Amino acid sequence: MPGEFAGRKLLKIRKHYRWKKVDYVRKKKKLWKQDPLQGAPQVKGLVISKRTVEQKQPSSGLVKAVRVQLIKNNIQVTAFVPGNHAIDQINEHDEVLIEGVGGSQGGSVGSMWGLKYKVSAVNGVALSQILSGKKQKPAR
């Protein structure tokens, strides 16, 4: 049981231990502002270039990716293109929808070095439907 005049010290202790809570730290440091997607689950962007990214050790191979400039804030990010020959369906200046890959703490997955985002749609059509042949990619 704290003393009669312990209120100020208890408040100070409570403020100090708030910084142990992840949600509080993210809110106070405004870490959501540093995220290129700015807290959104998906964002549209324009393809600037196609590229390949080498995998981390011990895997070897080239991961197909695109460099995307986001429409909402003009930040450039590299996004992974999932699927066999999916990179052939994407051209420069196409409008793509990107989302997080789903790694822990918003990071990359497996041996894909630094790829935090993946392409989910091209010109408004889902990439999975284009690859399966159900829909064609519309021309822009």
C-alpha atoms as a PDB file:
ATOM      1  CA  MET A   1       0.000   0.000   0.000  1.00  0.00           C
ATOM      2  CA  PRO A   2       1.616   3.291  -1.045  1.00  0.00           C
ATOM      3  CA  GLY A   3       2.018   6.116   1.367  1.00  0.00           C
ATOM      4  CA  GLU A   4      -0.340   9.062   1.737  1.00  0.00           C
ATOM      5  CA  PHE A   5       1.853  11.444  -0.277  1.00  0.00           C
ATOM      6  CA  ALA A   6       3.161   8.939  -2.862  1.00  0.00           C
ATOM      7  CA  GLY A   7       0.978  10.126  -5.792  1.00  0.00           C
ATOM      8  CA  ARG A   8       3.692  12.099  -7.587  1.00  0.00           C
ATOM      9  CA  LYS A   9       6.173   9.229  -7.432  1.00  0.00           C
ATOM     10  CA  LEU A  10       3.579   6.674  -8.586  1.00  0.00           C
ATOM     11  CA  LEU A  11       2.737   8.888 -11.575  1.00  0.00           C
ATOM     12  CA  LYS A  12       6.430   9.204 -12.443  1.00  0.00           C
ATOM     13  CA  ILE A  13       6.894   5.423 -12.283  1.00  0.00           C
ATOM     14  CA  ARG A  14       3.806   4.833 -14.445  1.00  0.00           C
ATOM     15  CA  LYS A  15       5.081   7.281 -17.084  1.00  0.00           C
ATOM     16  CA  HIS A  16       8.474   5.581 -17.074  1.00  0.00           C
ATOM     17  CA  TYR A  17       7.074   2.066 -17.612  1.00  0.00           C
ATOM     18  CA  ARG A  18       4.765   3.198 -20.432  1.00  0.00           C
ATOM     19  CA  TRP A  19       7.812   3.076 -22.718  1.00  0.00           C
ATOM     20  CA  LYS A  20       7.971  -0.703 -22.256  1.00  0.00           C
ATOM     21  CA  LYS A  21       4.681  -1.016 -24.172  1.00  0.00           C
ATOM     22  CA  VAL A  22       5.147  -1.428 -27.953  1.00  0.00           C
ATOM     23  CA  ASP A  23       1.911   0.364 -28.898  1.00  0.00           C
ATOM     24  CA  TYR A  24       2.810   3.399 -26.789  1.00  0.00           C
ATOM     25  CA  VAL A  25       6.304   3.669 -28.286  1.00  0.00           C
ATOM     26  CA  ARG A  26       4.955   3.406 -31.871  1.00  0.00           C
ATOM     27  CA  LYS A  27       2.395   6.104 -31.142  1.00  0.00           C
ATOM     28  CA  LYS A  28       4.806   8.516 -29.450  1.00  0.00           C
ATOM     29  CA  LYS A  29       7.669   8.095 -31.928  1.00  0.00           C
ATOM     30  CA  LYS A  30       5.187   8.221 -34.834  1.00  0.00           C
ATOM     31  CA  LEU A  31       6.713   5.114 -36.397  1.00  0.00           C
ATOM     32  CA  TRP A  32       3.670   4.677 -38.632  1.00  0.00           C
ATOM     33  CA  LYS A  33       4.740   7.823 -40.482  1.00  0.00           C
ATOM     34  CA  GLN A  34       8.055   6.225 -41.464  1.00  0.00           C
ATOM     35  CA  ASP A  35       6.168   3.381 -43.162  1.00  0.00           C
ATOM     36  CA  PRO A  36       5.925   4.123 -46.921  1.00  0.00           C
ATOM     37  CA  LEU A  37       2.358   2.756 -46.930  1.00  0.00           C
ATOM     38  CA  GLN A  38       1.550   5.080 -43.981  1.00  0.00           C
ATOM     39  CA  GLY A  39      -0.483   2.451 -42.161  1.00  0.00           C
ATOM     40  CA  ALA A  40      -2.578   1.438 -45.188  1.00  0.00           C
ATOM     41  CA  PRO A  41      -2.940  -2.272 -46.045  1.00  0.00           C
ATOM     42  CA  GLN A  42      -2.544  -1.721 -49.812  1.00  0.00           C
ATOM     43  CA  VAL A  43      -1.253   1.145 -51.962  1.00  0.00           C
ATOM     44  CA  LYS A  44      -1.217   1.922 -55.693  1.00  0.00           C
ATOM     45  CA  GLY A  45       1.965   2.843 -57.486  1.00  0.00           C
ATOM     46  CA  LEU A  46       3.565   3.131 -60.911  1.00  0.00           C
ATOM     47  CA  VAL A  47       6.250   0.703 -62.073  1.00  0.00           C
ATOM     48  CA  ILE A  48       9.548   2.505 -62.699  1.00  0.00           C
ATOM     49  CA  SER A  49      11.739  -0.475 -63.598  1.00  0.00           C
ATOM     50  CA  LYS A  50      12.017  -4.268 -63.448  1.00  0.00           C
ATOM     51  CA  ARG A  51      14.934  -5.836 -61.619  1.00  0.00           C
ATOM     52  CA  THR A  52      16.215  -9.014 -60.025  1.00  0.00           C
ATOM     53  CA  VAL A  53      17.376  -9.333 -56.433  1.00  0.00           C
ATOM     54  CA  GLU A  54      19.797 -11.993 -55.199  1.00  0.00           C
ATOM     55  CA  GLN A  55      18.681 -14.232 -52.355  1.00  0.00           C
ATOM     56  CA  LYS A  56      20.307 -14.487 -48.945  1.00  0.00           C
ATOM     57  CA  GLN A  57      22.644 -17.338 -48.086  1.00  0.00           C
ATOM     58  CA  PRO A  58      22.396 -20.352 -48.249  1.00  0.00           C
ATOM     59  CA  SER A  59      19.778 -20.031 -51.025  1.00  0.00           C
ATOM     60  CA  SER A  60      20.852 -18.987 -54.479  1.00  0.00           C
ATOM     61  CA  GLY A  61      18.771 -17.586 -57.274  1.00  0.00           C
ATOM     62  CA  LEU A  62      17.349 -14.356 -58.585  1.00  0.00           C
ATOM     63  CA  VAL A  63      14.048 -13.051 -57.223  1.00  0.00           C
ATOM     64  CA  LYS A  64      12.019 -11.063 -59.747  1.00  0.00           C
ATOM     65  CA  ALA A  65      11.009  -7.644 -58.444  1.00  0.00           C
ATOM     66  CA  VAL A  66       9.833  -4.231 -59.625  1.00  0.00           C
ATOM     67  CA  ARG A  67      10.702  -0.745 -58.460  1.00  0.00           C
ATOM     68  CA  VAL A  68       7.457   1.102 -57.707  1.00  0.00           C
ATOM     69  CA  GLN A  69       6.805   4.798 -57.070  1.00  0.00           C
ATOM     70  CA  LEU A  70       3.818   5.171 -54.771  1.00  0.00           C
ATOM     71  CA  ILE A  71       1.101   7.562 -55.942  1.00  0.00           C
ATOM     72  CA  LYS A  72       0.126   8.829 -52.475  1.00  0.00           C
ATOM     73  CA  ASN A  73       3.561  10.117 -51.409  1.00  0.00           C
ATOM     74  CA  ASN A  74       6.054   9.587 -54.286  1.00  0.00           C
ATOM     75  CA  ILE A  75       8.207   7.216 -52.191  1.00  0.00           C
ATOM     76  CA  GLN A  76       9.984   4.494 -54.175  1.00  0.00           C
ATOM     77  CA  VAL A  77       9.923   0.897 -52.912  1.00  0.00           C
ATOM     78  CA  THR A  78      10.964  -2.478 -54.329  1.00  0.00           C
ATOM     79  CA  ALA A  79       8.152  -5.038 -54.564  1.00  0.00           C
ATOM     80  CA  PHE A  80       8.404  -8.790 -55.126  1.00  0.00           C
ATOM     81  CA  VAL A  81       6.442 -10.276 -58.053  1.00  0.00           C
ATOM     82  CA  PRO A  82       5.036 -13.707 -57.019  1.00  0.00           C
ATOM     83  CA  GLY A  83       4.398 -16.504 -59.520  1.00  0.00           C
ATOM     84  CA  ASN A  84       6.117 -18.179 -62.463  1.00  0.00           C
ATOM     85  CA  HIS A  85       6.753 -15.776 -65.365  1.00  0.00           C
ATOM     86  CA  ALA A  86       4.637 -13.132 -63.609  1.00  0.00           C
ATOM     87  CA  ILE A  87       7.297 -10.503 -64.320  1.00  0.00           C
ATOM     88  CA  ASP A  88       6.484 -10.887 -68.043  1.00  0.00           C
ATOM     89  CA  GLN A  89       2.950  -9.592 -67.387  1.00  0.00           C
ATOM     90  CA  ILE A  90       4.205  -6.315 -65.896  1.00  0.00           C
ATOM     91  CA  ASN A  91       5.594  -3.478 -68.002  1.00  0.00           C
ATOM     92  CA  GLU A  92       7.050  -0.113 -67.088  1.00  0.00           C
ATOM     93  CA  HIS A  93       4.465   2.587 -66.300  1.00  0.00           C
ATOM     94  CA  ASP A  94       1.836  -0.016 -65.337  1.00  0.00           C
ATOM     95  CA  GLU A  95      -0.246   0.797 -62.271  1.00  0.00           C
ATOM     96  CA  VAL A  96       0.233  -1.890 -59.621  1.00  0.00           C
ATOM     97  CA  LEU A  97      -1.331  -2.532 -56.230  1.00  0.00           C
ATOM     98  CA  ILE A  98       1.222  -3.520 -53.591  1.00  0.00           C
ATOM     99  CA  GLU A  99       0.789  -4.955 -50.109  1.00  0.00           C
ATOM    100  CA  GLY A 100       3.056  -6.222 -47.335  1.00  0.00           C
ATOM    101  CA  VAL A 101       4.680  -9.628 -47.763  1.00  0.00           C
ATOM    102  CA  GLY A 102       3.705 -10.573 -44.212  1.00  0.00           C
ATOM    103  CA  GLY A 103       7.014 -11.036 -42.406  1.00  0.00           C
ATOM    104  CA  SER A 104       7.414 -10.376 -38.698  1.00  0.00           C
ATOM    105  CA  GLN A 105       7.293  -6.691 -37.717  1.00  0.00           C
ATOM    106  CA  GLY A 106       6.498  -5.708 -41.306  1.00  0.00           C
ATOM    107  CA  GLY A 107       9.727  -7.175 -42.668  1.00  0.00           C
ATOM    108  CA  SER A 108      10.766  -9.534 -45.440  1.00  0.00           C
ATOM    109  CA  VAL A 109      10.098 -13.276 -45.641  1.00  0.00           C
ATOM    110  CA  GLY A 110      12.651 -16.091 -45.928  1.00  0.00           C
ATOM    111  CA  SER A 111      15.618 -15.624 -48.236  1.00  0.00           C
ATOM    112  CA  MET A 112      14.206 -12.579 -50.072  1.00  0.00           C
ATOM    113  CA  TRP A 113      16.597  -9.921 -48.930  1.00  0.00           C
ATOM    114  CA  GLY A 114      14.914  -6.598 -48.107  1.00  0.00           C
ATOM    115  CA  LEU A 115      11.702  -7.210 -50.070  1.00  0.00           C
ATOM    116  CA  LYS A 116       8.916  -6.092 -47.732  1.00  0.00           C
ATOM    117  CA  TYR A 117       6.162  -5.694 -50.346  1.00  0.00           C
ATOM    118  CA  LYS A 118       4.571  -7.822 -53.063  1.00  0.00           C
ATOM    119  CA  VAL A 119       2.530  -7.006 -56.161  1.00  0.00           C
ATOM    120  CA  SER A 120      -1.090  -8.159 -55.903  1.00  0.00           C
ATOM    121  CA  ALA A 121      -2.751  -6.495 -58.928  1.00  0.00           C
ATOM    122  CA  VAL A 122      -1.750  -4.960 -62.267  1.00  0.00           C
ATOM    123  CA  ASN A 123      -3.889  -2.218 -63.859  1.00  0.00           C
ATOM    124  CA  GLY A 124      -6.802  -3.114 -61.578  1.00  0.00           C
ATOM    125  CA  VAL A 125      -6.784  -6.878 -62.296  1.00  0.00           C
ATOM    126  CA  ALA A 126      -5.510  -9.417 -59.759  1.00  0.00           C
ATOM    127  CA  LEU A 127      -2.126 -10.884 -60.702  1.00  0.00           C
ATOM    128  CA  SER A 128      -3.336 -14.402 -59.810  1.00  0.00           C
ATOM    129  CA  GLN A 129      -6.186 -14.143 -62.348  1.00  0.00           C
ATOM    130  CA  ILE A 130      -3.830 -12.903 -65.069  1.00  0.00           C
ATOM    131  CA  LEU A 131      -1.436 -15.810 -64.429  1.00  0.00           C
ATOM    132  CA  SER A 132      -4.209 -18.437 -64.420  1.00  0.00           C
ATOM    133  CA  GLY A 133      -5.534 -17.079 -67.732  1.00  0.00           C
ATOM    134  CA  LYS A 134      -8.961 -16.116 -66.403  1.00  0.00           C
ATOM    135  CA  LYS A 135      -8.517 -12.427 -67.233  1.00  0.00           C
ATOM    136  CA  GLN A 136      -6.325 -10.371 -69.504  1.00  0.00           C
ATOM    137  CA  LYS A 137      -4.347  -7.388 -68.367  1.00  0.00           C
ATOM    138  CA  PRO A 138      -6.012  -4.214 -69.663  1.00  0.00           C
ATOM    139  CA  ALA A 139      -3.813  -1.808 -71.626  1.00  0.00           C
ATOM    140  CA  ARG A 140      -3.223   1.592 -70.069  1.00  0.00           C
END
